[in-house]
Amino acid sequence: MKLALKIMFVIFLIWMATGLYLVNVEHEKAQIVMGLGVFYFSFLFMPFFIYYRYKDGKYKKYILNDEKLREAFKNVGKD
């Protein structure tokens, strides 16, 4: 999965570089290429990246629950 993400990111960079080149030479399809690149990044690359990063439950330490809030507010008045 990590290798697939790296390959997808390189494809995105090449795609955007090609789009920027086409914009600079004022090609008629330049805006379409750039738009498809943003579409690729938003709807293909980012969901795979988010899944890869959070699949092992690493996100749980960032979620606030009652226990964490009680600990945080218990230590507020002790200064």
PDB file of N, CA and C in Angstrom:
ATOM      1  N   MET A   1       0.830  -1.190   0.000  1.00  0.00           N
ATOM      2  CA  MET A   1       0.000   0.000   0.000  1.00  0.00           C
ATOM      3  C   MET A   1       0.878   1.259   0.000  1.00  0.00           C
ATOM      4  N   LYS A   2       1.982   1.197   0.757  1.00  0.00           N
ATOM      5  CA  LYS A   2       2.857   2.355   0.828  1.00  0.00           C
ATOM      6  C   LYS A   2       3.482   2.648  -0.542  1.00  0.00           C
ATOM      7  N   LEU A   3       3.883   1.603  -1.236  1.00  0.00           N
ATOM      8  CA  LEU A   3       4.457   1.777  -2.567  1.00  0.00           C
ATOM      9  C   LEU A   3       3.416   2.329  -3.538  1.00  0.00           C
ATOM     10  N   ALA A   4       2.194   1.840  -3.433  1.00  0.00           N
ATOM     11  CA  ALA A   4       1.118   2.332  -4.301  1.00  0.00           C
ATOM     12  C   ALA A   4       0.871   3.819  -4.049  1.00  0.00           C
ATOM     13  N   LEU A   5       0.915   4.248  -2.797  1.00  0.00           N
ATOM     14  CA  LEU A   5       0.731   5.666  -2.494  1.00  0.00           C
ATOM     15  C   LEU A   5       1.861   6.515  -3.062  1.00  0.00           C
ATOM     16  N   LYS A   6       3.072   6.015  -2.973  1.00  0.00           N
ATOM     17  CA  LYS A   6       4.205   6.757  -3.535  1.00  0.00           C
ATOM     18  C   LYS A   6       4.065   6.886  -5.050  1.00  0.00           C
ATOM     19  N   ILE A   7       3.680   5.805  -5.697  1.00  0.00           N
ATOM     20  CA  ILE A   7       3.497   5.842  -7.149  1.00  0.00           C
ATOM     21  C   ILE A   7       2.375   6.800  -7.523  1.00  0.00           C
ATOM     22  N   MET A   8       1.268   6.743  -6.773  1.00  0.00           N
ATOM     23  CA  MET A   8       0.145   7.647  -7.050  1.00  0.00           C
ATOM     24  C   MET A   8       0.551   9.107  -6.859  1.00  0.00           C
ATOM     25  N   PHE A   9       1.390   9.387  -5.857  1.00  0.00           N
ATOM     26  CA  PHE A   9       1.832  10.762  -5.624  1.00  0.00           C
ATOM     27  C   PHE A   9       2.742  11.239  -6.746  1.00  0.00           C
ATOM     28  N   VAL A  10       3.622  10.385  -7.213  1.00  0.00           N
ATOM     29  CA  VAL A  10       4.498  10.749  -8.331  1.00  0.00           C
ATOM     30  C   VAL A  10       3.666  11.012  -9.584  1.00  0.00           C
ATOM     31  N   ILE A  11       2.664  10.184  -9.821  1.00  0.00           N
ATOM     32  CA  ILE A  11       1.762  10.412 -10.958  1.00  0.00           C
ATOM     33  C   ILE A  11       1.092  11.780 -10.830  1.00  0.00           C
ATOM     34  N   PHE A  12       0.650  12.107  -9.618  1.00  0.00           N
ATOM     35  CA  PHE A  12       0.018  13.412  -9.392  1.00  0.00           C
ATOM     36  C   PHE A  12       0.990  14.548  -9.689  1.00  0.00           C
ATOM     37  N   LEU A  13       2.225  14.448  -9.211  1.00  0.00           N
ATOM     38  CA  LEU A  13       3.202  15.513  -9.462  1.00  0.00           C
ATOM     39  C   LEU A  13       3.493  15.681 -10.949  1.00  0.00           C
ATOM     40  N   ILE A  14       3.654  14.571 -11.657  1.00  0.00           N
ATOM     41  CA  ILE A  14       3.895  14.637 -13.102  1.00  0.00           C
ATOM     42  C   ILE A  14       2.687  15.237 -13.817  1.00  0.00           C
ATOM     43  N   TRP A  15       1.499  14.844 -13.376  1.00  0.00           N
ATOM     44  CA  TRP A  15       0.265  15.347 -13.970  1.00  0.00           C
ATOM     45  C   TRP A  15       0.167  16.865 -13.805  1.00  0.00           C
ATOM     46  N   MET A  16       0.456  17.355 -12.592  1.00  0.00           N
ATOM     47  CA  MET A  16       0.374  18.789 -12.334  1.00  0.00           C
ATOM     48  C   MET A  16       1.457  19.551 -13.087  1.00  0.00           C
ATOM     49  N   ALA A  17       2.653  18.966 -13.184  1.00  0.00           N
ATOM     50  CA  ALA A  17       3.726  19.616 -13.936  1.00  0.00           C
ATOM     51  C   ALA A  17       3.343  19.729 -15.412  1.00  0.00           C
ATOM     52  N   THR A  18       2.751  18.677 -15.937  1.00  0.00           N
ATOM     53  CA  THR A  18       2.272  18.716 -17.324  1.00  0.00           C
ATOM     54  C   THR A  18       1.178  19.771 -17.486  1.00  0.00           C
ATOM     55  N   GLY A  19       0.276  19.839 -16.529  1.00  0.00           N
ATOM     56  CA  GLY A  19      -0.785  20.840 -16.573  1.00  0.00           C
ATOM     57  C   GLY A  19      -0.233  22.253 -16.528  1.00  0.00           C
ATOM     58  N   LEU A  20       0.756  22.485 -15.665  1.00  0.00           N
ATOM     59  CA  LEU A  20       1.367  23.816 -15.593  1.00  0.00           C
ATOM     60  C   LEU A  20       2.071  24.175 -16.899  1.00  0.00           C
ATOM     61  N   TYR A  21       2.737  23.209 -17.497  1.00  0.00           N
ATOM     62  CA  TYR A  21       3.373  23.448 -18.785  1.00  0.00           C
ATOM     63  C   TYR A  21       2.334  23.820 -19.833  1.00  0.00           C
ATOM     64  N   LEU A  22       1.234  23.071 -19.863  1.00  0.00           N
ATOM     65  CA  LEU A  22       0.185  23.364 -20.851  1.00  0.00           C
ATOM     66  C   LEU A  22      -0.451  24.729 -20.611  1.00  0.00           C
ATOM     67  N   VAL A  23      -0.578  25.128 -19.351  1.00  0.00           N
ATOM     68  CA  VAL A  23      -1.115  26.459 -19.052  1.00  0.00           C
ATOM     69  C   VAL A  23      -0.157  27.537 -19.558  1.00  0.00           C
ATOM     70  N   ASN A  24       1.143  27.312 -19.360  1.00  0.00           N
ATOM     71  CA  ASN A  24       2.130  28.307 -19.793  1.00  0.00           C
ATOM     72  C   ASN A  24       2.198  28.449 -21.310  1.00  0.00           C
ATOM     73  N   VAL A  25       1.978  27.361 -22.046  1.00  0.00           N
ATOM     74  CA  VAL A  25       2.005  27.462 -23.508  1.00  0.00           C
ATOM     75  C   VAL A  25       0.614  27.757 -24.065  1.00  0.00           C
ATOM     76  N   GLU A  26      -0.343  27.968 -23.167  1.00  0.00           N
ATOM     77  CA  GLU A  26      -1.717  28.336 -23.516  1.00  0.00           C
ATOM     78  C   GLU A  26      -2.382  27.306 -24.430  1.00  0.00           C
ATOM     79  N   HIS A  27      -2.255  26.069 -24.055  1.00  0.00           N
ATOM     80  CA  HIS A  27      -2.912  24.981 -24.779  1.00  0.00           C
ATOM     81  C   HIS A  27      -4.408  25.010 -24.460  1.00  0.00           C
ATOM     82  N   GLU A  28      -5.229  24.632 -25.411  1.00  0.00           N
ATOM     83  CA  GLU A  28      -6.680  24.736 -25.226  1.00  0.00           C
ATOM     84  C   GLU A  28      -7.232  23.761 -24.188  1.00  0.00           C
ATOM     85  N   LYS A  29      -6.548  22.660 -23.931  1.00  0.00           N
ATOM     86  CA  LYS A  29      -7.016  21.655 -22.966  1.00  0.00           C
ATOM     87  C   LYS A  29      -6.312  21.762 -21.610  1.00  0.00           C
ATOM     88  N   ALA A  30      -5.573  22.829 -21.371  1.00  0.00           N
ATOM     89  CA  ALA A  30      -4.791  22.965 -20.147  1.00  0.00           C
ATOM     90  C   ALA A  30      -5.679  22.976 -18.904  1.00  0.00           C
ATOM     91  N   GLN A  31      -6.774  23.688 -18.939  1.00  0.00           N
ATOM     92  CA  GLN A  31      -7.651  23.770 -17.774  1.00  0.00           C
ATOM     93  C   GLN A  31      -8.295  22.421 -17.466  1.00  0.00           C
ATOM     94  N   ILE A  32      -8.578  21.645 -18.496  1.00  0.00           N
ATOM     95  CA  ILE A  32      -9.156  20.311 -18.295  1.00  0.00           C
ATOM     96  C   ILE A  32      -8.135  19.395 -17.638  1.00  0.00           C
ATOM     97  N   VAL A  33      -6.882  19.458 -18.085  1.00  0.00           N
ATOM     98  CA  VAL A  33      -5.833  18.626 -17.496  1.00  0.00           C
ATOM     99  C   VAL A  33      -5.635  18.984 -16.024  1.00  0.00           C
ATOM    100  N   MET A  34      -5.608  20.270 -15.708  1.00  0.00           N
ATOM    101  CA  MET A  34      -5.444  20.701 -14.314  1.00  0.00           C
ATOM    102  C   MET A  34      -6.654  20.284 -13.472  1.00  0.00           C
ATOM    103  N   GLY A  35      -7.838  20.427 -14.003  1.00  0.00           N
ATOM    104  CA  GLY A  35      -9.038  20.038 -13.279  1.00  0.00           C
ATOM    105  C   GLY A  35      -9.088  18.550 -13.001  1.00  0.00           C
ATOM    106  N   LEU A  36      -8.705  17.742 -13.984  1.00  0.00           N
ATOM    107  CA  LEU A  36      -8.659  16.297 -13.764  1.00  0.00           C
ATOM    108  C   LEU A  36      -7.580  15.921 -12.750  1.00  0.00           C
ATOM    109  N   GLY A  37      -6.497  16.687 -12.721  1.00  0.00           N
ATOM    110  CA  GLY A  37      -5.458  16.442 -11.717  1.00  0.00           C
ATOM    111  C   GLY A  37      -5.968  16.700 -10.310  1.00  0.00           C
ATOM    112  N   VAL A  38      -6.716  17.773 -10.128  1.00  0.00           N
ATOM    113  CA  VAL A  38      -7.305  18.066  -8.820  1.00  0.00           C
ATOM    114  C   VAL A  38      -8.338  17.003  -8.466  1.00  0.00           C
ATOM    115  N   PHE A  39      -9.122  16.573  -9.439  1.00  0.00           N
ATOM    116  CA  PHE A  39     -10.094  15.501  -9.231  1.00  0.00           C
ATOM    117  C   PHE A  39      -9.388  14.217  -8.783  1.00  0.00           C
ATOM    118  N   TYR A  40      -8.299  13.859  -9.456  1.00  0.00           N
ATOM    119  CA  TYR A  40      -7.510  12.675  -9.108  1.00  0.00           C
ATOM    120  C   TYR A  40      -7.001  12.775  -7.678  1.00  0.00           C
ATOM    121  N   PHE A  41      -6.466  13.940  -7.321  1.00  0.00           N
ATOM    122  CA  PHE A  41      -5.930  14.127  -5.976  1.00  0.00           C
ATOM    123  C   PHE A  41      -7.027  14.033  -4.919  1.00  0.00           C
ATOM    124  N   SER A  42      -8.164  14.669  -5.190  1.00  0.00           N
ATOM    125  CA  SER A  42      -9.236  14.752  -4.200  1.00  0.00           C
ATOM    126  C   SER A  42      -9.982  13.440  -4.010  1.00  0.00           C
ATOM    127  N   PHE A  43     -10.270  12.740  -5.073  1.00  0.00           N
ATOM    128  CA  PHE A  43     -11.158  11.592  -4.985  1.00  0.00           C
ATOM    129  C   PHE A  43     -10.472  10.234  -5.113  1.00  0.00           C
ATOM    130  N   LEU A  44      -9.201  10.201  -5.478  1.00  0.00           N
ATOM    131  CA  LEU A  44      -8.488   8.931  -5.549  1.00  0.00           C
ATOM    132  C   LEU A  44      -7.328   8.878  -4.562  1.00  0.00           C
ATOM    133  N   PHE A  45      -6.431   9.860  -4.644  1.00  0.00           N
ATOM    134  CA  PHE A  45      -5.243   9.819  -3.792  1.00  0.00           C
ATOM    135  C   PHE A  45      -5.562  10.048  -2.321  1.00  0.00           C
ATOM    136  N   MET A  46      -6.299  11.092  -1.994  1.00  0.00           N
ATOM    137  CA  MET A  46      -6.563  11.420  -0.590  1.00  0.00           C
ATOM    138  C   MET A  46      -7.339  10.332   0.152  1.00  0.00           C
ATOM    139  N   PRO A  47      -8.386   9.730  -0.411  1.00  0.00           N
ATOM    140  CA  PRO A  47      -9.042   8.646   0.334  1.00  0.00           C
ATOM    141  C   PRO A  47      -8.120   7.463   0.623  1.00  0.00           C
ATOM    142  N   PHE A  48      -7.274   7.078  -0.339  1.00  0.00           N
ATOM    143  CA  PHE A  48      -6.316   6.001  -0.092  1.00  0.00           C
ATOM    144  C   PHE A  48      -5.316   6.396   0.992  1.00  0.00           C
ATOM    145  N   PHE A  49      -4.853   7.649   0.939  1.00  0.00           N
ATOM    146  CA  PHE A  49      -3.894   8.125   1.935  1.00  0.00           C
ATOM    147  C   PHE A  49      -4.512   8.145   3.328  1.00  0.00           C
ATOM    148  N   ILE A  50      -5.728   8.646   3.444  1.00  0.00           N
ATOM    149  CA  ILE A  50      -6.394   8.711   4.744  1.00  0.00           C
ATOM    150  C   ILE A  50      -6.647   7.304   5.279  1.00  0.00           C
ATOM    151  N   TYR A  51      -7.085   6.401   4.446  1.00  0.00           N
ATOM    152  CA  TYR A  51      -7.282   5.015   4.874  1.00  0.00           C
ATOM    153  C   TYR A  51      -5.977   4.409   5.366  1.00  0.00           C
ATOM    154  N   TYR A  52      -4.900   4.613   4.623  1.00  0.00           N
ATOM    155  CA  TYR A  52      -3.606   4.049   5.003  1.00  0.00           C
ATOM    156  C   TYR A  52      -3.131   4.590   6.348  1.00  0.00           C
ATOM    157  N   ARG A  53      -3.315   5.876   6.578  1.00  0.00           N
ATOM    158  CA  ARG A  53      -2.833   6.486   7.819  1.00  0.00           C
ATOM    159  C   ARG A  53      -3.638   6.074   9.041  1.00  0.00           C
ATOM    160  N   TYR A  54      -4.942   5.861   8.894  1.00  0.00           N
ATOM    161  CA  TYR A  54      -5.798   5.636  10.050  1.00  0.00           C
ATOM    162  C   TYR A  54      -6.335   4.215  10.166  1.00  0.00           C
ATOM    163  N   LYS A  55      -5.838   3.285   9.377  1.00  0.00           N
ATOM    164  CA  LYS A  55      -6.388   1.927   9.394  1.00  0.00           C
ATOM    165  C   LYS A  55      -6.058   1.171  10.678  1.00  0.00           C
ATOM    166  N   ASP A  56      -4.998   1.517  11.387  1.00  0.00           N
ATOM    167  CA  ASP A  56      -4.600   0.798  12.594  1.00  0.00           C
ATOM    168  C   ASP A  56      -5.145   1.410  13.874  1.00  0.00           C
ATOM    169  N   GLY A  57      -6.047   2.337  13.781  1.00  0.00           N
ATOM    170  CA  GLY A  57      -6.648   2.938  14.965  1.00  0.00           C
ATOM    171  C   GLY A  57      -5.780   3.998  15.607  1.00  0.00           C
ATOM    172  N   LYS A  58      -4.835   4.552  14.877  1.00  0.00           N
ATOM    173  CA  LYS A  58      -3.954   5.582  15.420  1.00  0.00           C
ATOM    174  C   LYS A  58      -4.708   6.876  15.719  1.00  0.00           C
ATOM    175  N   TYR A  59      -5.868   7.028  15.132  1.00  0.00           N
ATOM    176  CA  TYR A  59      -6.642   8.244  15.314  1.00  0.00           C
ATOM    177  C   TYR A  59      -7.287   8.318  16.693  1.00  0.00           C
ATOM    178  N   LYS A  60      -7.367   7.217  17.406  1.00  0.00           N
ATOM    179  CA  LYS A  60      -8.098   7.187  18.673  1.00  0.00           C
ATOM    180  C   LYS A  60      -7.475   8.073  19.740  1.00  0.00           C
ATOM    181  N   LYS A  61      -6.184   8.319  19.668  1.00  0.00           N
ATOM    182  CA  LYS A  61      -5.573   9.186  20.674  1.00  0.00           C
ATOM    183  C   LYS A  61      -5.926  10.661  20.453  1.00  0.00           C
ATOM    184  N   TYR A  62      -6.496  11.002  19.315  1.00  0.00           N
ATOM    185  CA  TYR A  62      -6.879  12.383  19.022  1.00  0.00           C
ATOM    186  C   TYR A  62      -8.350  12.665  19.286  1.00  0.00           C
ATOM    187  N   ILE A  63      -9.135  11.652  19.612  1.00  0.00           N
ATOM    188  CA  ILE A  63     -10.565  11.818  19.838  1.00  0.00           C
ATOM    189  C   ILE A  63     -10.797  12.203  21.292  1.00  0.00           C
ATOM    190  N   LEU A  64     -11.586  13.249  21.508  1.00  0.00           N
ATOM    191  CA  LEU A  64     -11.938  13.659  22.865  1.00  0.00           C
ATOM    192  C   LEU A  64     -13.121  12.847  23.360  1.00  0.00           C
ATOM    193  N   ASN A  65     -12.988  12.308  24.556  1.00  0.00           N
ATOM    194  CA  ASN A  65     -14.102  11.631  25.181  1.00  0.00           C
ATOM    195  C   ASN A  65     -14.236  12.149  26.613  1.00  0.00           C
ATOM    196  N   ASP A  66     -15.192  11.656  27.365  1.00  0.00           N
ATOM    197  CA  ASP A  66     -15.448  12.179  28.709  1.00  0.00           C
ATOM    198  C   ASP A  66     -14.251  12.013  29.633  1.00  0.00           C
ATOM    199  N   GLU A  67     -13.581  10.900  29.540  1.00  0.00           N
ATOM    200  CA  GLU A  67     -12.437  10.641  30.415  1.00  0.00           C
ATOM    201  C   GLU A  67     -11.311  11.647  30.179  1.00  0.00           C
ATOM    202  N   LYS A  68     -11.002  11.914  28.941  1.00  0.00           N
ATOM    203  CA  LYS A  68      -9.937  12.864  28.624  1.00  0.00           C
ATOM    204  C   LYS A  68     -10.333  14.277  29.042  1.00  0.00           C
ATOM    205  N   LEU A  69     -11.601  14.635  28.875  1.00  0.00           N
ATOM    206  CA  LEU A  69     -12.050  15.959  29.293  1.00  0.00           C
ATOM    207  C   LEU A  69     -11.969  16.120  30.805  1.00  0.00           C
ATOM    208  N   ARG A  70     -12.344  15.097  31.558  1.00  0.00           N
ATOM    209  CA  ARG A  70     -12.259  15.166  33.020  1.00  0.00           C
ATOM    210  C   ARG A  70     -10.807  15.352  33.468  1.00  0.00           C
ATOM    211  N   GLU A  71      -9.879  14.626  32.858  1.00  0.00           N
ATOM    212  CA  GLU A  71      -8.468  14.771  33.191  1.00  0.00           C
ATOM    213  C   GLU A  71      -7.971  16.178  32.893  1.00  0.00           C
ATOM    214  N   ALA A  72      -8.390  16.715  31.756  1.00  0.00           N
ATOM    215  CA  ALA A  72      -7.932  18.046  31.370  1.00  0.00           C
ATOM    216  C   ALA A  72      -8.455  19.108  32.327  1.00  0.00           C
ATOM    217  N   PHE A  73      -9.735  19.022  32.711  1.00  0.00           N
ATOM    218  CA  PHE A  73     -10.299  20.034  33.583  1.00  0.00           C
ATOM    219  C   PHE A  73      -9.946  19.820  35.045  1.00  0.00           C
ATOM    220  N   LYS A  74      -9.534  18.622  35.403  1.00  0.00           N
ATOM    221  CA  LYS A  74      -9.115  18.361  36.785  1.00  0.00           C
ATOM    222  C   LYS A  74      -7.816  19.102  37.091  1.00  0.00           C
ATOM    223  N   ASN A  75      -6.956  19.228  36.110  1.00  0.00           N
ATOM    224  CA  ASN A  75      -5.655  19.855  36.293  1.00  0.00           C
ATOM    225  C   ASN A  75      -5.677  21.362  36.063  1.00  0.00           C
ATOM    226  N   VAL A  76      -6.802  21.941  35.686  1.00  0.00           N
ATOM    227  CA  VAL A  76      -6.871  23.358  35.377  1.00  0.00           C
ATOM    228  C   VAL A  76      -6.720  24.212  36.636  1.00  0.00           C
ATOM    229  N   GLY A  77      -7.399  23.892  37.716  1.00  0.00           N
ATOM    230  CA  GLY A  77      -7.389  24.723  38.910  1.00  0.00           C
ATOM    231  C   GLY A  77      -6.224  24.504  39.846  1.00  0.00           C
ATOM    232  N   LYS A  78      -5.294  23.637  39.537  1.00  0.00           N
ATOM    233  CA  LYS A  78      -4.201  23.313  40.445  1.00  0.00           C
ATOM    234  C   LYS A  78      -2.987  24.212  40.297  1.00  0.00           C
ATOM    235  N   ASP A  79      -3.011  25.195  39.435  1.00  0.00           N
ATOM    236  CA  ASP A  79      -1.855  26.064  39.241  1.00  0.00           C
ATOM    237  C   ASP A  79      -1.720  27.079  40.290  1.00  0.00           C
TER     238      ASP A  79
END
